[in-house]
């Protein structure tokens, strides 16, 4: 299960959120008077990050999922319940194990029971991985993505588009008409053939459906 691309994609949002928060801080430092964008992709564009920075973020997300989060979840699946035992098994630092256990808890795909030792009066936390909730969330995310892609396809198929030759704006016909077919840079807008965009969206829909169907077939075995 854990090596499935959709599982890794779902777990990636844990690390993406950390990078998003860091990028928000950087944006606020650079542009204190502007509203901070939401979403890691939007922030990357707004900050005009270098290709090197983008590749670093992508690699860190991938490495953290594969080398930290998945081993922690696998330990839970194998019946290891406490953070110390997970740390010993995975050789991941205890504070990092605890950090990601609580992030998994925030996503509702891990939960814990707290018990008190009558002699030491210390609390022990016994953790469990909720596979059913993980499967439910992946299906929910997949359906949401399909809905967004279908809405995007409908918009592209039912509109005519005009773009600035310098790449500043992209308007549908009504928007372009309101602007008298001129960009803010005063260049005349040009008609855009969006057939390739439509073709790509259809491919994305097909791939998303295929990935989701494949995932659910494997989960039923």
C-alpha atoms as a PDB file:
ATOM      1  CA  UNK A   1       0.000   0.000   0.000  1.00  0.00           C
ATOM      2  CA  UNK A   2       2.610   2.526   1.083  1.00  0.00           C
ATOM      3  CA  UNK A   3       4.503   2.421  -2.215  1.00  0.00           C
ATOM      4  CA  UNK A   4       1.383   3.327  -4.187  1.00  0.00           C
ATOM      5  CA  UNK A   5       1.797   6.691  -6.008  1.00  0.00           C
ATOM      6  CA  UNK A   6      -1.532   7.994  -4.668  1.00  0.00           C
ATOM      7  CA  UNK A   7      -0.505   7.193  -1.091  1.00  0.00           C
ATOM      8  CA  UNK A   8       2.790   9.048  -1.546  1.00  0.00           C
ATOM      9  CA  UNK A   9       0.951  11.938  -3.170  1.00  0.00           C
ATOM     10  CA  UNK A  10      -1.456  12.156  -0.233  1.00  0.00           C
ATOM     11  CA  UNK A  11       1.350  12.001   2.340  1.00  0.00           C
ATOM     12  CA  UNK A  12       3.284  14.669   0.452  1.00  0.00           C
ATOM     13  CA  UNK A  13       0.835  17.322   1.614  1.00  0.00           C
ATOM     14  CA  UNK A  14       2.296  16.980   5.132  1.00  0.00           C
ATOM     15  CA  UNK A  15       5.692  18.192   3.930  1.00  0.00           C
ATOM     16  CA  UNK A  16       4.219  20.628   1.396  1.00  0.00           C
ATOM     17  CA  UNK A  17       2.458  22.384   4.272  1.00  0.00           C
ATOM     18  CA  UNK A  18       5.788  22.971   6.026  1.00  0.00           C
ATOM     19  CA  UNK A  19       7.347  24.444   2.898  1.00  0.00           C
ATOM     20  CA  UNK A  20       4.235  26.534   2.288  1.00  0.00           C
ATOM     21  CA  UNK A  21       4.510  28.077   5.760  1.00  0.00           C
ATOM     22  CA  UNK A  22       8.207  28.870   5.197  1.00  0.00           C
ATOM     23  CA  UNK A  23       7.436  30.451   1.815  1.00  0.00           C
ATOM     24  CA  UNK A  24       4.667  32.533   3.396  1.00  0.00           C
ATOM     25  CA  UNK A  25       7.183  33.931   5.883  1.00  0.00           C
ATOM     26  CA  UNK A  26       9.590  34.755   3.049  1.00  0.00           C
ATOM     27  CA  UNK A  27       6.816  36.427   1.049  1.00  0.00           C
ATOM     28  CA  UNK A  28       5.821  38.517   4.076  1.00  0.00           C
ATOM     29  CA  UNK A  29       9.442  39.660   4.490  1.00  0.00           C
ATOM     30  CA  UNK A  30       9.737  40.667   0.833  1.00  0.00           C
ATOM     31  CA  UNK A  31       6.238  42.125   0.388  1.00  0.00           C
ATOM     32  CA  UNK A  32       4.973  43.217   3.837  1.00  0.00           C
ATOM     33  CA  UNK A  33       2.156  45.332   2.407  1.00  0.00           C
ATOM     34  CA  UNK A  34       0.750  42.674   0.055  1.00  0.00           C
ATOM     35  CA  UNK A  35      -1.721  39.902   0.836  1.00  0.00           C
ATOM     36  CA  UNK A  36       0.098  36.589   1.257  1.00  0.00           C
ATOM     37  CA  UNK A  37      -0.950  34.009  -1.366  1.00  0.00           C
ATOM     38  CA  UNK A  38      -2.259  30.561  -0.414  1.00  0.00           C
ATOM     39  CA  UNK A  39      -0.879  27.325  -1.816  1.00  0.00           C
ATOM     40  CA  UNK A  40       2.708  26.247  -2.421  1.00  0.00           C
ATOM     41  CA  UNK A  41       2.491  26.520  -6.224  1.00  0.00           C
ATOM     42  CA  UNK A  42       1.090  30.062  -6.032  1.00  0.00           C
ATOM     43  CA  UNK A  43       3.816  31.087  -3.592  1.00  0.00           C
ATOM     44  CA  UNK A  44       6.556  29.633  -5.797  1.00  0.00           C
ATOM     45  CA  UNK A  45       5.278  31.725  -8.715  1.00  0.00           C
ATOM     46  CA  UNK A  46       4.797  34.844  -6.585  1.00  0.00           C
ATOM     47  CA  UNK A  47       8.338  34.613  -5.230  1.00  0.00           C
ATOM     48  CA  UNK A  48       9.721  33.752  -8.656  1.00  0.00           C
ATOM     49  CA  UNK A  49      11.855  30.995  -7.151  1.00  0.00           C
ATOM     50  CA  UNK A  50      14.838  29.704  -9.078  1.00  0.00           C
ATOM     51  CA  UNK A  51      14.765  26.253 -10.666  1.00  0.00           C
ATOM     52  CA  UNK A  52      17.327  25.184  -8.080  1.00  0.00           C
ATOM     53  CA  UNK A  53      15.012  26.181  -5.212  1.00  0.00           C
ATOM     54  CA  UNK A  54      12.045  24.422  -6.827  1.00  0.00           C
ATOM     55  CA  UNK A  55      14.058  21.229  -7.304  1.00  0.00           C
ATOM     56  CA  UNK A  56      15.260  21.391  -3.686  1.00  0.00           C
ATOM     57  CA  UNK A  57      11.671  21.642  -2.390  1.00  0.00           C
ATOM     58  CA  UNK A  58      10.498  18.774  -4.628  1.00  0.00           C
ATOM     59  CA  UNK A  59      13.394  16.545  -3.522  1.00  0.00           C
ATOM     60  CA  UNK A  60      12.888  17.342   0.156  1.00  0.00           C
ATOM     61  CA  UNK A  61       9.193  16.442  -0.103  1.00  0.00           C
ATOM     62  CA  UNK A  62       9.975  13.151  -1.842  1.00  0.00           C
ATOM     63  CA  UNK A  63      12.807  12.216   0.525  1.00  0.00           C
ATOM     64  CA  UNK A  64      10.818  13.045   3.667  1.00  0.00           C
ATOM     65  CA  UNK A  65       7.856  10.957   2.520  1.00  0.00           C
ATOM     66  CA  UNK A  66       9.962   7.965   1.468  1.00  0.00           C
ATOM     67  CA  UNK A  67      12.636   8.017   4.178  1.00  0.00           C
ATOM     68  CA  UNK A  68      10.709   9.292   7.193  1.00  0.00           C
ATOM     69  CA  UNK A  69       6.910   9.221   6.963  1.00  0.00           C
ATOM     70  CA  UNK A  70       6.503   5.866   5.213  1.00  0.00           C
ATOM     71  CA  UNK A  71       8.903   4.025   7.586  1.00  0.00           C
ATOM     72  CA  UNK A  72       6.993   5.446  10.562  1.00  0.00           C
ATOM     73  CA  UNK A  73       3.658   4.280   9.127  1.00  0.00           C
ATOM     74  CA  UNK A  74       5.128   0.880   8.245  1.00  0.00           C
ATOM     75  CA  UNK A  75       6.255   0.494  11.858  1.00  0.00           C
ATOM     76  CA  UNK A  76       2.686   1.201  12.999  1.00  0.00           C
ATOM     77  CA  UNK A  77       1.323  -1.336  10.496  1.00  0.00           C
ATOM     78  CA  UNK A  78       3.828  -3.877  11.863  1.00  0.00           C
ATOM     79  CA  UNK A  79       2.333  -3.429  15.325  1.00  0.00           C
ATOM     80  CA  UNK A  80       4.924  -1.149  16.874  1.00  0.00           C
ATOM     81  CA  UNK A  81       2.945   1.276  19.009  1.00  0.00           C
ATOM     82  CA  UNK A  82       5.126   3.685  21.007  1.00  0.00           C
ATOM     83  CA  UNK A  83       7.216   6.534  19.675  1.00  0.00           C
ATOM     84  CA  UNK A  84      10.374   5.186  21.344  1.00  0.00           C
ATOM     85  CA  UNK A  85       9.936   1.737  19.800  1.00  0.00           C
ATOM     86  CA  UNK A  86       9.298   3.304  16.389  1.00  0.00           C
ATOM     87  CA  UNK A  87      12.424   5.414  16.772  1.00  0.00           C
ATOM     88  CA  UNK A  88      14.504   2.337  17.653  1.00  0.00           C
ATOM     89  CA  UNK A  89      13.049   0.308  14.798  1.00  0.00           C
ATOM     90  CA  UNK A  90      13.409   2.965  12.098  1.00  0.00           C
ATOM     91  CA  UNK A  91      16.556   4.669  13.460  1.00  0.00           C
ATOM     92  CA  UNK A  92      14.753   8.002  13.058  1.00  0.00           C
ATOM     93  CA  UNK A  93      15.333  10.532  15.840  1.00  0.00           C
ATOM     94  CA  UNK A  94      12.673  10.417  18.555  1.00  0.00           C
ATOM     95  CA  UNK A  95      11.695  14.085  18.226  1.00  0.00           C
ATOM     96  CA  UNK A  96      11.162  13.614  14.464  1.00  0.00           C
ATOM     97  CA  UNK A  97       9.068  10.482  15.036  1.00  0.00           C
ATOM     98  CA  UNK A  98       6.896  12.384  17.507  1.00  0.00           C
ATOM     99  CA  UNK A  99       6.592  15.342  15.145  1.00  0.00           C
ATOM    100  CA  UNK A 100       5.277  13.218  12.275  1.00  0.00           C
ATOM    101  CA  UNK A 101       3.042  11.053  14.445  1.00  0.00           C
ATOM    102  CA  UNK A 102       1.187  14.194  15.489  1.00  0.00           C
ATOM    103  CA  UNK A 103       1.043  15.382  11.871  1.00  0.00           C
ATOM    104  CA  UNK A 104      -0.512  12.029  10.920  1.00  0.00           C
ATOM    105  CA  UNK A 105      -2.909  12.494  13.838  1.00  0.00           C
ATOM    106  CA  UNK A 106      -3.874  15.944  12.527  1.00  0.00           C
ATOM    107  CA  UNK A 107      -4.734  14.263   9.200  1.00  0.00           C
ATOM    108  CA  UNK A 108      -6.822  11.691  11.123  1.00  0.00           C
ATOM    109  CA  UNK A 109      -4.888   8.774   9.646  1.00  0.00           C
ATOM    110  CA  UNK A 110      -3.248   7.908  12.966  1.00  0.00           C
ATOM    111  CA  UNK A 111      -4.695   7.883  16.449  1.00  0.00           C
ATOM    112  CA  UNK A 112      -3.489   7.076  19.929  1.00  0.00           C
ATOM    113  CA  UNK A 113      -4.581   5.839  23.329  1.00  0.00           C
ATOM    114  CA  UNK A 114      -3.056   7.269  26.471  1.00  0.00           C
ATOM    115  CA  UNK A 115      -2.424   5.078  29.504  1.00  0.00           C
ATOM    116  CA  UNK A 116      -0.859   5.873  32.887  1.00  0.00           C
ATOM    117  CA  UNK A 117       1.715   3.667  34.581  1.00  0.00           C
ATOM    118  CA  UNK A 118       0.474   3.179  38.180  1.00  0.00           C
ATOM    119  CA  UNK A 119       4.030   2.994  39.540  1.00  0.00           C
ATOM    120  CA  UNK A 120       5.867   5.760  37.670  1.00  0.00           C
ATOM    121  CA  UNK A 121       2.734   7.871  37.020  1.00  0.00           C
ATOM    122  CA  UNK A 122       4.076   8.443  33.507  1.00  0.00           C
ATOM    123  CA  UNK A 123       1.804   8.420  30.479  1.00  0.00           C
ATOM    124  CA  UNK A 124       2.356   6.060  27.570  1.00  0.00           C
ATOM    125  CA  UNK A 125       0.937   6.779  24.113  1.00  0.00           C
ATOM    126  CA  UNK A 126       0.005   3.764  21.995  1.00  0.00           C
ATOM    127  CA  UNK A 127      -0.339   4.655  18.314  1.00  0.00           C
ATOM    128  CA  UNK A 128      -2.339   3.014  15.516  1.00  0.00           C
ATOM    129  CA  UNK A 129      -2.484   3.678  11.776  1.00  0.00           C
ATOM    130  CA  UNK A 130      -5.996   4.025  10.306  1.00  0.00           C
ATOM    131  CA  UNK A 131      -5.731   2.433   6.862  1.00  0.00           C
ATOM    132  CA  UNK A 132      -9.466   2.746   6.139  1.00  0.00           C
ATOM    133  CA  UNK A 133      -9.337   6.509   6.725  1.00  0.00           C
ATOM    134  CA  UNK A 134      -6.287   6.786   4.464  1.00  0.00           C
ATOM    135  CA  UNK A 135      -8.157   4.959   1.679  1.00  0.00           C
ATOM    136  CA  UNK A 136     -11.232   7.140   2.206  1.00  0.00           C
ATOM    137  CA  UNK A 137      -9.202  10.343   1.996  1.00  0.00           C
ATOM    138  CA  UNK A 138      -7.368   9.249  -1.154  1.00  0.00           C
ATOM    139  CA  UNK A 139     -10.689   8.516  -2.863  1.00  0.00           C
ATOM    140  CA  UNK A 140     -12.076  11.846  -1.690  1.00  0.00           C
ATOM    141  CA  UNK A 141      -9.013  13.676  -3.013  1.00  0.00           C
ATOM    142  CA  UNK A 142      -9.251  11.777  -6.309  1.00  0.00           C
ATOM    143  CA  UNK A 143     -12.912  12.637  -6.795  1.00  0.00           C
ATOM    144  CA  UNK A 144     -12.215  16.283  -5.962  1.00  0.00           C
ATOM    145  CA  UNK A 145      -9.401  16.371  -8.525  1.00  0.00           C
ATOM    146  CA  UNK A 146     -11.655  14.800 -11.161  1.00  0.00           C
ATOM    147  CA  UNK A 147     -14.398  17.334 -10.470  1.00  0.00           C
ATOM    148  CA  UNK A 148     -11.913  20.194 -10.825  1.00  0.00           C
ATOM    149  CA  UNK A 149     -10.504  18.767 -14.065  1.00  0.00           C
ATOM    150  CA  UNK A 150     -13.989  18.265 -15.533  1.00  0.00           C
ATOM    151  CA  UNK A 151     -14.953  21.835 -14.610  1.00  0.00           C
ATOM    152  CA  UNK A 152     -11.744  23.087 -16.200  1.00  0.00           C
ATOM    153  CA  UNK A 153     -12.421  21.046 -19.347  1.00  0.00           C
ATOM    154  CA  UNK A 154     -15.958  22.433 -19.610  1.00  0.00           C
ATOM    155  CA  UNK A 155     -14.632  25.983 -19.239  1.00  0.00           C
ATOM    156  CA  UNK A 156     -11.992  25.479 -21.926  1.00  0.00           C
ATOM    157  CA  UNK A 157     -14.426  23.825 -24.344  1.00  0.00           C
ATOM    158  CA  UNK A 158     -17.139  26.457 -23.928  1.00  0.00           C
ATOM    159  CA  UNK A 159     -15.029  29.596 -24.210  1.00  0.00           C
ATOM    160  CA  UNK A 160     -12.895  31.473 -26.696  1.00  0.00           C
ATOM    161  CA  UNK A 161      -9.607  32.855 -25.363  1.00  0.00           C
ATOM    162  CA  UNK A 162      -7.350  35.821 -26.068  1.00  0.00           C
ATOM    163  CA  UNK A 163      -3.843  36.323 -24.719  1.00  0.00           C
ATOM    164  CA  UNK A 164      -1.274  39.056 -24.465  1.00  0.00           C
ATOM    165  CA  UNK A 165       1.601  38.385 -26.916  1.00  0.00           C
ATOM    166  CA  UNK A 166       3.990  39.082 -24.023  1.00  0.00           C
ATOM    167  CA  UNK A 167       2.219  36.591 -21.768  1.00  0.00           C
ATOM    168  CA  UNK A 168       0.742  39.057 -19.270  1.00  0.00           C
ATOM    169  CA  UNK A 169      -2.917  38.020 -19.366  1.00  0.00           C
ATOM    170  CA  UNK A 170      -5.316  35.381 -20.669  1.00  0.00           C
ATOM    171  CA  UNK A 171      -8.961  36.386 -21.064  1.00  0.00           C
ATOM    172  CA  UNK A 172     -12.104  34.680 -22.295  1.00  0.00           C
ATOM    173  CA  UNK A 173     -14.103  36.534 -24.935  1.00  0.00           C
ATOM    174  CA  UNK A 174     -16.269  38.537 -22.518  1.00  0.00           C
ATOM    175  CA  UNK A 175     -13.270  39.595 -20.419  1.00  0.00           C
ATOM    176  CA  UNK A 176     -11.282  40.540 -23.519  1.00  0.00           C
ATOM    177  CA  UNK A 177     -14.237  42.514 -24.842  1.00  0.00           C
ATOM    178  CA  UNK A 178     -14.497  44.443 -21.567  1.00  0.00           C
ATOM    179  CA  UNK A 179     -10.839  45.398 -21.975  1.00  0.00           C
ATOM    180  CA  UNK A 180     -11.370  46.326 -25.643  1.00  0.00           C
ATOM    181  CA  UNK A 181      -8.990  43.487 -26.587  1.00  0.00           C
ATOM    182  CA  UNK A 182      -6.035  45.322 -25.069  1.00  0.00           C
ATOM    183  CA  UNK A 183      -3.638  44.130 -22.387  1.00  0.00           C
ATOM    184  CA  UNK A 184      -2.648  46.362 -19.474  1.00  0.00           C
ATOM    185  CA  UNK A 185       0.686  46.748 -21.300  1.00  0.00           C
ATOM    186  CA  UNK A 186      -1.287  48.212 -24.254  1.00  0.00           C
ATOM    187  CA  UNK A 187      -0.471  45.306 -26.572  1.00  0.00           C
ATOM    188  CA  UNK A 188      -3.373  44.044 -28.662  1.00  0.00           C
ATOM    189  CA  UNK A 189      -4.689  40.681 -27.485  1.00  0.00           C
ATOM    190  CA  UNK A 190      -4.315  37.698 -29.804  1.00  0.00           C
ATOM    191  CA  UNK A 191      -6.684  34.755 -30.296  1.00  0.00           C
ATOM    192  CA  UNK A 192      -5.443  31.580 -28.618  1.00  0.00           C
ATOM    193  CA  UNK A 193      -6.066  28.099 -29.988  1.00  0.00           C
ATOM    194  CA  UNK A 194      -6.619  26.091 -26.803  1.00  0.00           C
ATOM    195  CA  UNK A 195      -6.958  22.663 -28.451  1.00  0.00           C
ATOM    196  CA  UNK A 196      -3.695  21.452 -26.889  1.00  0.00           C
ATOM    197  CA  UNK A 197      -4.870  22.589 -23.448  1.00  0.00           C
ATOM    198  CA  UNK A 198      -8.098  20.635 -23.910  1.00  0.00           C
ATOM    199  CA  UNK A 199      -6.156  17.578 -25.058  1.00  0.00           C
ATOM    200  CA  UNK A 200      -3.921  17.734 -21.971  1.00  0.00           C
ATOM    201  CA  UNK A 201      -6.874  18.080 -19.587  1.00  0.00           C
ATOM    202  CA  UNK A 202      -8.504  15.003 -21.161  1.00  0.00           C
ATOM    203  CA  UNK A 203      -5.260  13.079 -20.669  1.00  0.00           C
ATOM    204  CA  UNK A 204      -5.126  14.202 -17.025  1.00  0.00           C
ATOM    205  CA  UNK A 205      -8.715  13.059 -16.465  1.00  0.00           C
ATOM    206  CA  UNK A 206      -7.984   9.668 -18.003  1.00  0.00           C
ATOM    207  CA  UNK A 207      -4.826   9.241 -15.926  1.00  0.00           C
ATOM    208  CA  UNK A 208      -6.526  10.302 -12.685  1.00  0.00           C
ATOM    209  CA  UNK A 209      -9.377   7.826 -13.249  1.00  0.00           C
ATOM    210  CA  UNK A 210      -6.910   5.063 -14.075  1.00  0.00           C
ATOM    211  CA  UNK A 211      -4.785   5.730 -10.971  1.00  0.00           C
ATOM    212  CA  UNK A 212      -7.861   5.790  -8.739  1.00  0.00           C
ATOM    213  CA  UNK A 213      -9.296   2.573 -10.190  1.00  0.00           C
ATOM    214  CA  UNK A 214      -5.939   0.822  -9.908  1.00  0.00           C
ATOM    215  CA  UNK A 215      -5.549   1.958  -6.303  1.00  0.00           C
ATOM    216  CA  UNK A 216      -8.987   0.688  -5.268  1.00  0.00           C
ATOM    217  CA  UNK A 217      -8.482  -2.673  -6.994  1.00  0.00           C
ATOM    218  CA  UNK A 218      -5.236  -3.195  -5.079  1.00  0.00           C
ATOM    219  CA  UNK A 219      -6.854  -2.191  -1.795  1.00  0.00           C
ATOM    220  CA  UNK A 220      -9.611  -4.796  -2.256  1.00  0.00           C
ATOM    221  CA  UNK A 221      -7.140  -7.675  -2.644  1.00  0.00           C
END
